[in-house]
Every structure is written in C-alpha cells, then in structure tokens.
Amino acid sequence: MMESGETGRSMVPDQDGQECRFFVSYSGVKLPIAPDALSNRNTFIRAWFDRAGMLSGFDKLVYGEVELSHRYQYHGNGRLRRAEIVMLDEEPATMNFDETGSQLS
C-alpha cells in the first residue's frame, strides 16, 4: 500500500468515495504531487485508494492518454483477490488469488 502526506491528495473523492492521489514516477510513491502541479507533466500516475486506504487501482498517463491501467479487489483479510491489468495495444490480463495469496489458475 502506498503512503502519503497531504500534498498529493485530491480534495474531492470520486463518486465511489475513493481518494485520488497523483505521483510522478514509480519511485516517487512516498511523495505524491498536488493535482495542480500536473500541468507541466507529460507522464504521471493517477491512483485511487478506498476508504480503508487500500490501493484500488491506478492509471499511468502519458501525454494525456492512459498507457497502463491496474484495478485491484481484496479479500476480507486484506489479501489481493483479483488484479486486472490493461496495457496499451495488448489484451487485458486478469489474475485471481485465494485468501492465502496463492494465484488461482
């Protein structure tokens, strides 16, 4: 799970009550940026967190287009239940996991 200070948090949750945060790279997960700082960025990550603070999904945007998208669902014990991955010009991939974290075939 990504952690954050107040800087990169959006002020308004989306319609599902999820919080949106913005990051400029994979290595910058501890320092999200403010939404108004995105105008000078060609590439950034837009991530959503549920009310419990769990990462529910993210999009990697490059020049305004979604290049990579992940969506996550969790079991009641907090372990990953399902991951959906969509990459530009590729077939979507879905992975399912049991409550122990083992991938199902």
PDB file of N, CA and C in Angstrom:
ATOM      1  N   MET A   1       0.835  -1.162   0.000  1.00  0.00           N
ATOM      2  CA  MET A   1       0.000   0.000   0.000  1.00  0.00           C
ATOM      3  C   MET A   1       0.887   1.234   0.000  1.00  0.00           C
ATOM      4  N   MET A   2       0.490   2.248  -0.759  1.00  0.00           N
ATOM      5  CA  MET A   2       1.254   3.476  -0.819  1.00  0.00           C
ATOM      6  C   MET A   2       0.860   4.378   0.331  1.00  0.00           C
ATOM      7  N   GLU A   3       1.827   5.088   0.870  1.00  0.00           N
ATOM      8  CA  GLU A   3       1.552   6.042   1.936  1.00  0.00           C
ATOM      9  C   GLU A   3       1.802   7.431   1.407  1.00  0.00           C
ATOM     10  N   SER A   4       1.189   8.417   2.040  1.00  0.00           N
ATOM     11  CA  SER A   4       1.288   9.756   1.504  1.00  0.00           C
ATOM     12  C   SER A   4       1.128  10.806   2.576  1.00  0.00           C
ATOM     13  N   GLY A   5       1.719  11.969   2.318  1.00  0.00           N
ATOM     14  CA  GLY A   5       1.449  13.154   3.109  1.00  0.00           C
ATOM     15  C   GLY A   5       0.246  13.847   2.508  1.00  0.00           C
ATOM     16  N   GLU A   6      -0.090  15.021   2.960  1.00  0.00           N
ATOM     17  CA  GLU A   6      -1.258  15.726   2.474  1.00  0.00           C
ATOM     18  C   GLU A   6      -1.059  16.297   1.078  1.00  0.00           C
ATOM     19  N   THR A   7       0.159  16.496   0.635  1.00  0.00           N
ATOM     20  CA  THR A   7       0.461  17.248  -0.575  1.00  0.00           C
ATOM     21  C   THR A   7      -0.238  16.752  -1.824  1.00  0.00           C
ATOM     22  N   GLY A   8      -0.227  15.456  -2.101  1.00  0.00           N
ATOM     23  CA  GLY A   8      -0.748  14.966  -3.360  1.00  0.00           C
ATOM     24  C   GLY A   8      -2.157  14.431  -3.306  1.00  0.00           C
ATOM     25  N   ARG A   9      -2.879  14.694  -2.272  1.00  0.00           N
ATOM     26  CA  ARG A   9      -4.231  14.169  -2.161  1.00  0.00           C
ATOM     27  C   ARG A   9      -5.211  15.100  -2.852  1.00  0.00           C
ATOM     28  N   SER A  10      -6.178  14.503  -3.541  1.00  0.00           N
ATOM     29  CA  SER A  10      -7.207  15.332  -4.153  1.00  0.00           C
ATOM     30  C   SER A  10      -8.145  15.806  -3.056  1.00  0.00           C
ATOM     31  N   MET A  11      -8.769  16.913  -3.274  1.00  0.00           N
ATOM     32  CA  MET A  11      -9.651  17.495  -2.267  1.00  0.00           C
ATOM     33  C   MET A  11     -11.024  16.822  -2.269  1.00  0.00           C
ATOM     34  N   VAL A  12     -11.439  16.247  -3.401  1.00  0.00           N
ATOM     35  CA  VAL A  12     -12.770  15.675  -3.513  1.00  0.00           C
ATOM     36  C   VAL A  12     -12.670  14.204  -3.912  1.00  0.00           C
ATOM     37  N   PRO A  13     -13.274  13.316  -3.120  1.00  0.00           N
ATOM     38  CA  PRO A  13     -13.265  11.903  -3.520  1.00  0.00           C
ATOM     39  C   PRO A  13     -14.121  11.717  -4.763  1.00  0.00           C
ATOM     40  N   ASP A  14     -13.863  10.646  -5.515  1.00  0.00           N
ATOM     41  CA  ASP A  14     -14.681  10.378  -6.690  1.00  0.00           C
ATOM     42  C   ASP A  14     -16.046   9.843  -6.262  1.00  0.00           C
ATOM     43  N   GLN A  15     -16.886   9.456  -7.224  1.00  0.00           N
ATOM     44  CA  GLN A  15     -18.253   9.044  -6.915  1.00  0.00           C
ATOM     45  C   GLN A  15     -18.332   7.804  -6.036  1.00  0.00           C
ATOM     46  N   ASP A  16     -17.300   6.986  -6.008  1.00  0.00           N
ATOM     47  CA  ASP A  16     -17.292   5.797  -5.166  1.00  0.00           C
ATOM     48  C   ASP A  16     -16.712   6.082  -3.784  1.00  0.00           C
ATOM     49  N   GLY A  17     -16.447   7.340  -3.483  1.00  0.00           N
ATOM     50  CA  GLY A  17     -15.875   7.698  -2.199  1.00  0.00           C
ATOM     51  C   GLY A  17     -14.401   7.382  -2.091  1.00  0.00           C
ATOM     52  N   GLN A  18     -13.736   7.159  -3.231  1.00  0.00           N
ATOM     53  CA  GLN A  18     -12.317   6.831  -3.214  1.00  0.00           C
ATOM     54  C   GLN A  18     -11.484   8.098  -3.358  1.00  0.00           C
ATOM     55  N   GLU A  19     -10.338   8.073  -2.716  1.00  0.00           N
ATOM     56  CA  GLU A  19      -9.430   9.195  -2.765  1.00  0.00           C
ATOM     57  C   GLU A  19      -8.469   9.023  -3.941  1.00  0.00           C
ATOM     58  N   CYS A  20      -8.256  10.089  -4.680  1.00  0.00           N
ATOM     59  CA  CYS A  20      -7.339  10.051  -5.813  1.00  0.00           C
ATOM     60  C   CYS A  20      -6.058  10.797  -5.441  1.00  0.00           C
ATOM     61  N   ARG A  21      -4.912  10.177  -5.722  1.00  0.00           N
ATOM     62  CA  ARG A  21      -3.606  10.805  -5.494  1.00  0.00           C
ATOM     63  C   ARG A  21      -2.797  10.711  -6.786  1.00  0.00           C
ATOM     64  N   PHE A  22      -1.844  11.621  -6.945  1.00  0.00           N
ATOM     65  CA  PHE A  22      -1.039  11.685  -8.161  1.00  0.00           C
ATOM     66  C   PHE A  22       0.432  11.536  -7.818  1.00  0.00           C
ATOM     67  N   PHE A  23       1.137  10.784  -8.674  1.00  0.00           N
ATOM     68  CA  PHE A  23       2.557  10.518  -8.486  1.00  0.00           C
ATOM     69  C   PHE A  23       3.267  10.741  -9.815  1.00  0.00           C
ATOM     70  N   VAL A  24       4.519  11.187  -9.759  1.00  0.00           N
ATOM     71  CA  VAL A  24       5.237  11.458 -11.000  1.00  0.00           C
ATOM     72  C   VAL A  24       6.062  10.281 -11.474  1.00  0.00           C
ATOM     73  N   SER A  25       6.275   9.268 -10.633  1.00  0.00           N
ATOM     74  CA  SER A  25       7.014   8.077 -11.055  1.00  0.00           C
ATOM     75  C   SER A  25       6.751   6.958 -10.062  1.00  0.00           C
ATOM     76  N   TYR A  26       7.165   5.757 -10.453  1.00  0.00           N
ATOM     77  CA  TYR A  26       7.028   4.619  -9.545  1.00  0.00           C
ATOM     78  C   TYR A  26       7.880   4.810  -8.312  1.00  0.00           C
ATOM     79  N   SER A  27       9.037   5.468  -8.455  1.00  0.00           N
ATOM     80  CA  SER A  27       9.930   5.648  -7.309  1.00  0.00           C
ATOM     81  C   SER A  27       9.482   6.781  -6.404  1.00  0.00           C
ATOM     82  N   GLY A  28       8.487   7.555  -6.808  1.00  0.00           N
ATOM     83  CA  GLY A  28       8.053   8.691  -6.018  1.00  0.00           C
ATOM     84  C   GLY A  28       6.815   8.435  -5.201  1.00  0.00           C
ATOM     85  N   VAL A  29       6.542   7.175  -4.853  1.00  0.00           N
ATOM     86  CA  VAL A  29       5.289   6.855  -4.180  1.00  0.00           C
ATOM     87  C   VAL A  29       5.151   7.484  -2.802  1.00  0.00           C
ATOM     88  N   LYS A  30       6.241   7.874  -2.184  1.00  0.00           N
ATOM     89  CA  LYS A  30       6.135   8.490  -0.861  1.00  0.00           C
ATOM     90  C   LYS A  30       5.888   9.988  -0.940  1.00  0.00           C
ATOM     91  N   LEU A  31       6.022  10.559  -2.125  1.00  0.00           N
ATOM     92  CA  LEU A  31       5.830  11.991  -2.280  1.00  0.00           C
ATOM     93  C   LEU A  31       4.867  12.291  -3.420  1.00  0.00           C
ATOM     94  N   PRO A  32       3.574  12.092  -3.205  1.00  0.00           N
ATOM     95  CA  PRO A  32       2.635  12.418  -4.281  1.00  0.00           C
ATOM     96  C   PRO A  32       2.647  13.923  -4.539  1.00  0.00           C
ATOM     97  N   ILE A  33       2.186  14.313  -5.728  1.00  0.00           N
ATOM     98  CA  ILE A  33       2.167  15.722  -6.081  1.00  0.00           C
ATOM     99  C   ILE A  33       0.738  16.233  -6.047  1.00  0.00           C
ATOM    100  N   ALA A  34       0.605  17.528  -5.900  1.00  0.00           N
ATOM    101  CA  ALA A  34      -0.705  18.158  -5.885  1.00  0.00           C
ATOM    102  C   ALA A  34      -1.288  18.130  -7.291  1.00  0.00           C
ATOM    103  N   PRO A  35      -2.609  17.967  -7.416  1.00  0.00           N
ATOM    104  CA  PRO A  35      -3.230  17.917  -8.743  1.00  0.00           C
ATOM    105  C   PRO A  35      -2.912  19.127  -9.615  1.00  0.00           C
ATOM    106  N   ASP A  36      -2.778  20.302  -9.025  1.00  0.00           N
ATOM    107  CA  ASP A  36      -2.492  21.493  -9.832  1.00  0.00           C
ATOM    108  C   ASP A  36      -1.062  21.522 -10.366  1.00  0.00           C
ATOM    109  N   ALA A  37      -0.203  20.617  -9.921  1.00  0.00           N
ATOM    110  CA  ALA A  37       1.177  20.546 -10.411  1.00  0.00           C
ATOM    111  C   ALA A  37       1.312  19.639 -11.637  1.00  0.00           C
ATOM    112  N   LEU A  38       0.199  19.074 -12.104  1.00  0.00           N
ATOM    113  CA  LEU A  38       0.244  18.135 -13.219  1.00  0.00           C
ATOM    114  C   LEU A  38       0.353  18.810 -14.581  1.00  0.00           C
ATOM    115  N   SER A  39       0.065  20.086 -14.662  1.00  0.00           N
ATOM    116  CA  SER A  39       0.041  20.752 -15.968  1.00  0.00           C
ATOM    117  C   SER A  39       1.390  20.725 -16.675  1.00  0.00           C
ATOM    118  N   ASN A  40       2.480  20.610 -15.939  1.00  0.00           N
ATOM    119  CA  ASN A  40       3.820  20.578 -16.539  1.00  0.00           C
ATOM    120  C   ASN A  40       4.340  19.162 -16.725  1.00  0.00           C
ATOM    121  N   ARG A  41       3.540  18.164 -16.481  1.00  0.00           N
ATOM    122  CA  ARG A  41       3.987  16.769 -16.533  1.00  0.00           C
ATOM    123  C   ARG A  41       3.474  16.073 -17.782  1.00  0.00           C
ATOM    124  N   ASN A  42       4.351  15.352 -18.471  1.00  0.00           N
ATOM    125  CA  ASN A  42       3.953  14.550 -19.619  1.00  0.00           C
ATOM    126  C   ASN A  42       3.515  13.161 -19.192  1.00  0.00           C
ATOM    127  N   THR A  43       4.109  12.667 -18.104  1.00  0.00           N
ATOM    128  CA  THR A  43       3.825  11.327 -17.609  1.00  0.00           C
ATOM    129  C   THR A  43       3.588  11.394 -16.104  1.00  0.00           C
ATOM    130  N   PHE A  44       2.509  10.759 -15.656  1.00  0.00           N
ATOM    131  CA  PHE A  44       2.249  10.682 -14.224  1.00  0.00           C
ATOM    132  C   PHE A  44       1.310   9.519 -13.942  1.00  0.00           C
ATOM    133  N   ILE A  45       1.209   9.175 -12.667  1.00  0.00           N
ATOM    134  CA  ILE A  45       0.348   8.092 -12.190  1.00  0.00           C
ATOM    135  C   ILE A  45      -0.828   8.716 -11.440  1.00  0.00           C
ATOM    136  N   ARG A  46      -2.020   8.245 -11.754  1.00  0.00           N
ATOM    137  CA  ARG A  46      -3.235   8.649 -11.046  1.00  0.00           C
ATOM    138  C   ARG A  46      -3.713   7.406 -10.310  1.00  0.00           C
ATOM    139  N   ALA A  47      -3.743   7.445  -8.980  1.00  0.00           N
ATOM    140  CA  ALA A  47      -4.063   6.260  -8.173  1.00  0.00           C
ATOM    141  C   ALA A  47      -5.267   6.519  -7.273  1.00  0.00           C
ATOM    142  N   TRP A  48      -6.078   5.473  -7.093  1.00  0.00           N
ATOM    143  CA  TRP A  48      -7.252   5.564  -6.226  1.00  0.00           C
ATOM    144  C   TRP A  48      -7.082   4.649  -5.020  1.00  0.00           C
ATOM    145  N   PHE A  49      -7.521   5.159  -3.883  1.00  0.00           N
ATOM    146  CA  PHE A  49      -7.454   4.438  -2.616  1.00  0.00           C
ATOM    147  C   PHE A  49      -8.848   4.393  -2.005  1.00  0.00           C
ATOM    148  N   ASP A  50      -9.228   3.217  -1.499  1.00  0.00           N
ATOM    149  CA  ASP A  50     -10.552   3.088  -0.894  1.00  0.00           C
ATOM    150  C   ASP A  50     -10.560   3.699   0.506  1.00  0.00           C
ATOM    151  N   ARG A  51     -11.686   3.620   1.158  1.00  0.00           N
ATOM    152  CA  ARG A  51     -11.834   4.234   2.493  1.00  0.00           C
ATOM    153  C   ARG A  51     -10.890   3.641   3.527  1.00  0.00           C
ATOM    154  N   ALA A  52     -10.482   2.387   3.317  1.00  0.00           N
ATOM    155  CA  ALA A  52      -9.553   1.729   4.238  1.00  0.00           C
ATOM    156  C   ALA A  52      -8.097   2.065   3.910  1.00  0.00           C
ATOM    157  N   GLY A  53      -7.867   2.816   2.831  1.00  0.00           N
ATOM    158  CA  GLY A  53      -6.514   3.185   2.446  1.00  0.00           C
ATOM    159  C   GLY A  53      -5.835   2.188   1.522  1.00  0.00           C
ATOM    160  N   MET A  54      -6.590   1.187   1.043  1.00  0.00           N
ATOM    161  CA  MET A  54      -6.028   0.180   0.141  1.00  0.00           C
ATOM    162  C   MET A  54      -6.040   0.715  -1.290  1.00  0.00           C
ATOM    163  N   LEU A  55      -4.961   0.442  -2.016  1.00  0.00           N
ATOM    164  CA  LEU A  55      -4.873   0.842  -3.413  1.00  0.00           C
ATOM    165  C   LEU A  55      -5.892   0.044  -4.218  1.00  0.00           C
ATOM    166  N   SER A  56      -6.842   0.729  -4.850  1.00  0.00           N
ATOM    167  CA  SER A  56      -7.852   0.017  -5.630  1.00  0.00           C
ATOM    168  C   SER A  56      -7.562   0.054  -7.125  1.00  0.00           C
ATOM    169  N   GLY A  57      -6.660   0.913  -7.541  1.00  0.00           N
ATOM    170  CA  GLY A  57      -6.291   0.938  -8.945  1.00  0.00           C
ATOM    171  C   GLY A  57      -5.458   2.151  -9.278  1.00  0.00           C
ATOM    172  N   PHE A  58      -4.831   2.083 -10.456  1.00  0.00           N
ATOM    173  CA  PHE A  58      -4.087   3.245 -10.933  1.00  0.00           C
ATOM    174  C   PHE A  58      -4.032   3.241 -12.446  1.00  0.00           C
ATOM    175  N   ASP A  59      -3.818   4.425 -13.006  1.00  0.00           N
ATOM    176  CA  ASP A  59      -3.596   4.615 -14.433  1.00  0.00           C
ATOM    177  C   ASP A  59      -2.277   5.332 -14.602  1.00  0.00           C
ATOM    178  N   LYS A  60      -1.491   4.907 -15.578  1.00  0.00           N
ATOM    179  CA  LYS A  60      -0.293   5.640 -15.972  1.00  0.00           C
ATOM    180  C   LYS A  60      -0.687   6.442 -17.200  1.00  0.00           C
ATOM    181  N   LEU A  61      -0.593   7.763 -17.093  1.00  0.00           N
ATOM    182  CA  LEU A  61      -0.935   8.628 -18.205  1.00  0.00           C
ATOM    183  C   LEU A  61       0.325   9.172 -18.858  1.00  0.00           C
ATOM    184  N   VAL A  62       0.364   9.099 -20.178  1.00  0.00           N
ATOM    185  CA  VAL A  62       1.474   9.617 -20.960  1.00  0.00           C
ATOM    186  C   VAL A  62       0.874  10.548 -22.010  1.00  0.00           C
ATOM    187  N   TYR A  63       1.230  11.803 -21.960  1.00  0.00           N
ATOM    188  CA  TYR A  63       0.683  12.813 -22.871  1.00  0.00           C
ATOM    189  C   TYR A  63      -0.841  12.765 -22.916  1.00  0.00           C
ATOM    190  N   GLY A  64      -1.456  12.599 -21.744  1.00  0.00           N
ATOM    191  CA  GLY A  64      -2.901  12.632 -21.624  1.00  0.00           C
ATOM    192  C   GLY A  64      -3.630  11.344 -21.950  1.00  0.00           C
ATOM    193  N   GLU A  65      -2.930  10.322 -22.399  1.00  0.00           N
ATOM    194  CA  GLU A  65      -3.549   9.042 -22.743  1.00  0.00           C
ATOM    195  C   GLU A  65      -3.183   7.985 -21.699  1.00  0.00           C
ATOM    196  N   VAL A  66      -4.147   7.116 -21.362  1.00  0.00           N
ATOM    197  CA  VAL A  66      -3.879   6.034 -20.426  1.00  0.00           C
ATOM    198  C   VAL A  66      -3.062   4.958 -21.150  1.00  0.00           C
ATOM    199  N   GLU A  67      -1.841   4.730 -20.671  1.00  0.00           N
ATOM    200  CA  GLU A  67      -0.942   3.745 -21.272  1.00  0.00           C
ATOM    201  C   GLU A  67      -0.992   2.411 -20.532  1.00  0.00           C
ATOM    202  N   LEU A  68      -1.280   2.457 -19.248  1.00  0.00           N
ATOM    203  CA  LEU A  68      -1.287   1.274 -18.401  1.00  0.00           C
ATOM    204  C   LEU A  68      -2.334   1.478 -17.314  1.00  0.00           C
ATOM    205  N   SER A  69      -3.099   0.433 -17.021  1.00  0.00           N
ATOM    206  CA  SER A  69      -4.151   0.535 -16.023  1.00  0.00           C
ATOM    207  C   SER A  69      -4.178  -0.741 -15.185  1.00  0.00           C
ATOM    208  N   HIS A  70      -4.258  -0.586 -13.881  1.00  0.00           N
ATOM    209  CA  HIS A  70      -4.408  -1.716 -12.953  1.00  0.00           C
ATOM    210  C   HIS A  70      -5.642  -1.448 -12.095  1.00  0.00           C
ATOM    211  N   ARG A  71      -6.403  -2.509 -11.795  1.00  0.00           N
ATOM    212  CA  ARG A  71      -7.520  -2.433 -10.861  1.00  0.00           C
ATOM    213  C   ARG A  71      -7.403  -3.626  -9.922  1.00  0.00           C
ATOM    214  N   TYR A  72      -7.663  -3.376  -8.632  1.00  0.00           N
ATOM    215  CA  TYR A  72      -7.477  -4.411  -7.616  1.00  0.00           C
ATOM    216  C   TYR A  72      -8.736  -4.597  -6.788  1.00  0.00           C
ATOM    217  N   GLN A  73      -8.969  -5.851  -6.379  1.00  0.00           N
ATOM    218  CA  GLN A  73     -10.017  -6.199  -5.420  1.00  0.00           C
ATOM    219  C   GLN A  73      -9.358  -7.058  -4.346  1.00  0.00           C
ATOM    220  N   TYR A  74      -9.867  -6.957  -3.119  1.00  0.00           N
ATOM    221  CA  TYR A  74      -9.244  -7.637  -1.991  1.00  0.00           C
ATOM    222  C   TYR A  74     -10.227  -8.551  -1.274  1.00  0.00           C
ATOM    223  N   HIS A  75      -9.695  -9.615  -0.678  1.00  0.00           N
ATOM    224  CA  HIS A  75     -10.470 -10.476   0.217  1.00  0.00           C
ATOM    225  C   HIS A  75     -10.697  -9.713   1.527  1.00  0.00           C
ATOM    226  N   GLY A  76     -11.610 -10.220   2.351  1.00  0.00           N
ATOM    227  CA  GLY A  76     -11.892  -9.612   3.645  1.00  0.00           C
ATOM    228  C   GLY A  76     -10.682  -9.542   4.565  1.00  0.00           C
ATOM    229  N   ASN A  77      -9.696 -10.442   4.358  1.00  0.00           N
ATOM    230  CA  ASN A  77      -8.499 -10.439   5.200  1.00  0.00           C
ATOM    231  C   ASN A  77      -7.422  -9.469   4.695  1.00  0.00           C
ATOM    232  N   GLY A  78      -7.741  -8.718   3.615  1.00  0.00           N
ATOM    233  CA  GLY A  78      -6.804  -7.735   3.096  1.00  0.00           C
ATOM    234  C   GLY A  78      -5.890  -8.237   1.991  1.00  0.00           C
ATOM    235  N   ARG A  79      -5.903  -9.536   1.724  1.00  0.00           N
ATOM    236  CA  ARG A  79      -5.057 -10.080   0.653  1.00  0.00           C
ATOM    237  C   ARG A  79      -5.706  -9.820  -0.707  1.00  0.00           C
ATOM    238  N   LEU A  80      -4.851  -9.694  -1.707  1.00  0.00           N
ATOM    239  CA  LEU A  80      -5.319  -9.445  -3.066  1.00  0.00           C
ATOM    240  C   LEU A  80      -6.190 -10.600  -3.560  1.00  0.00           C
ATOM    241  N   ARG A  81      -7.380 -10.266  -4.073  1.00  0.00           N
ATOM    242  CA  ARG A  81      -8.301 -11.263  -4.617  1.00  0.00           C
ATOM    243  C   ARG A  81      -8.249 -11.287  -6.140  1.00  0.00           C
ATOM    244  N   ARG A  82      -8.148 -10.103  -6.747  1.00  0.00           N
ATOM    245  CA  ARG A  82      -8.186 -10.010  -8.205  1.00  0.00           C
ATOM    246  C   ARG A  82      -7.377  -8.801  -8.670  1.00  0.00           C
ATOM    247  N   ALA A  83      -6.624  -8.975  -9.727  1.00  0.00           N
ATOM    248  CA  ALA A  83      -5.884  -7.892 -10.359  1.00  0.00           C
ATOM    249  C   ALA A  83      -6.209  -7.900 -11.841  1.00  0.00           C
ATOM    250  N   GLU A  84      -6.632  -6.765 -12.350  1.00  0.00           N
ATOM    251  CA  GLU A  84      -6.899  -6.612 -13.778  1.00  0.00           C
ATOM    252  C   GLU A  84      -5.884  -5.621 -14.329  1.00  0.00           C
ATOM    253  N   ILE A  85      -5.177  -6.021 -15.382  1.00  0.00           N
ATOM    254  CA  ILE A  85      -4.113  -5.196 -15.946  1.00  0.00           C
ATOM    255  C   ILE A  85      -4.404  -4.979 -17.423  1.00  0.00           C
ATOM    256  N   VAL A  86      -4.407  -3.721 -17.815  1.00  0.00           N
ATOM    257  CA  VAL A  86      -4.635  -3.371 -19.210  1.00  0.00           C
ATOM    258  C   VAL A  86      -3.459  -2.513 -19.661  1.00  0.00           C
ATOM    259  N   MET A  87      -2.815  -2.966 -20.748  1.00  0.00           N
ATOM    260  CA  MET A  87      -1.710  -2.212 -21.339  1.00  0.00           C
ATOM    261  C   MET A  87      -2.120  -1.808 -22.750  1.00  0.00           C
ATOM    262  N   LEU A  88      -1.677  -0.646 -23.155  1.00  0.00           N
ATOM    263  CA  LEU A  88      -1.989  -0.127 -24.479  1.00  0.00           C
ATOM    264  C   LEU A  88      -1.665  -1.160 -25.553  1.00  0.00           C
ATOM    265  N   ASP A  89      -2.602  -1.403 -26.450  1.00  0.00           N
ATOM    266  CA  ASP A  89      -2.435  -2.310 -27.592  1.00  0.00           C
ATOM    267  C   ASP A  89      -2.184  -3.766 -27.214  1.00  0.00           C
ATOM    268  N   GLU A  90      -2.576  -4.183 -26.008  1.00  0.00           N
ATOM    269  CA  GLU A  90      -2.442  -5.581 -25.609  1.00  0.00           C
ATOM    270  C   GLU A  90      -3.758  -6.057 -25.016  1.00  0.00           C
ATOM    271  N   GLU A  91      -3.948  -7.357 -25.011  1.00  0.00           N
ATOM    272  CA  GLU A  91      -5.140  -7.934 -24.401  1.00  0.00           C
ATOM    273  C   GLU A  91      -5.080  -7.739 -22.883  1.00  0.00           C
ATOM    274  N   PRO A  92      -6.208  -7.422 -22.256  1.00  0.00           N
ATOM    275  CA  PRO A  92      -6.222  -7.300 -20.793  1.00  0.00           C
ATOM    276  C   PRO A  92      -5.863  -8.626 -20.129  1.00  0.00           C
ATOM    277  N   ALA A  93      -5.233  -8.559 -18.988  1.00  0.00           N
ATOM    278  CA  ALA A  93      -4.876  -9.750 -18.203  1.00  0.00           C
ATOM    279  C   ALA A  93      -5.576  -9.669 -16.853  1.00  0.00           C
ATOM    280  N   THR A  94      -6.092 -10.803 -16.402  1.00  0.00           N
ATOM    281  CA  THR A  94      -6.741 -10.875 -15.097  1.00  0.00           C
ATOM    282  C   THR A  94      -6.108 -12.001 -14.312  1.00  0.00           C
ATOM    283  N   MET A  95      -5.764 -11.720 -13.065  1.00  0.00           N
ATOM    284  CA  MET A  95      -5.209 -12.732 -12.168  1.00  0.00           C
ATOM    285  C   MET A  95      -6.099 -12.808 -10.936  1.00  0.00           C
ATOM    286  N   ASN A  96      -6.386 -14.014 -10.502  1.00  0.00           N
ATOM    287  CA  ASN A  96      -7.207 -14.244  -9.317  1.00  0.00           C
ATOM    288  C   ASN A  96      -6.375 -14.969  -8.267  1.00  0.00           C
ATOM    289  N   PHE A  97      -6.636 -14.643  -6.995  1.00  0.00           N
ATOM    290  CA  PHE A  97      -5.874 -15.185  -5.887  1.00  0.00           C
ATOM    291  C   PHE A  97      -6.815 -15.678  -4.805  1.00  0.00           C
ATOM    292  N   ASP A  98      -6.407 -16.728  -4.096  1.00  0.00           N
ATOM    293  CA  ASP A  98      -7.217 -17.207  -2.973  1.00  0.00           C
ATOM    294  C   ASP A  98      -6.891 -16.364  -1.732  1.00  0.00           C
ATOM    295  N   GLU A  99      -7.542 -16.675  -0.625  1.00  0.00           N
ATOM    296  CA  GLU A  99      -7.393 -15.873   0.587  1.00  0.00           C
ATOM    297  C   GLU A  99      -6.017 -15.987   1.232  1.00  0.00           C
ATOM    298  N   THR A 100      -5.207 -16.964   0.783  1.00  0.00           N
ATOM    299  CA  THR A 100      -3.834 -17.072   1.312  1.00  0.00           C
ATOM    300  C   THR A 100      -2.846 -16.300   0.459  1.00  0.00           C
ATOM    301  N   GLY A 101      -3.311 -15.805  -0.705  1.00  0.00           N
ATOM    302  CA  GLY A 101      -2.433 -15.072  -1.594  1.00  0.00           C
ATOM    303  C   GLY A 101      -1.895 -15.890  -2.746  1.00  0.00           C
ATOM    304  N   SER A 102      -2.280 -17.158  -2.829  1.00  0.00           N
ATOM    305  CA  SER A 102      -1.824 -18.008  -3.931  1.00  0.00           C
ATOM    306  C   SER A 102      -2.642 -17.736  -5.177  1.00  0.00           C
ATOM    307  N   GLN A 103      -1.945 -17.653  -6.313  1.00  0.00           N
ATOM    308  CA  GLN A 103      -2.638 -17.387  -7.574  1.00  0.00           C
ATOM    309  C   GLN A 103      -3.429 -18.610  -8.003  1.00  0.00           C
ATOM    310  N   LEU A 104      -4.668 -18.373  -8.451  1.00  0.00           N
ATOM    311  CA  LEU A 104      -5.534 -19.435  -8.951  1.00  0.00           C
ATOM    312  C   LEU A 104      -5.334 -19.546 -10.452  1.00  0.00           C
ATOM    313  N   SER A 105      -5.505 -20.765 -10.981  1.00  0.00           N
ATOM    314  CA  SER A 105      -5.336 -20.932 -12.428  1.00  0.00           C
ATOM    315  C   SER A 105      -6.612 -20.632 -13.177  1.00  0.00           C
TER     316      SER A 105
END
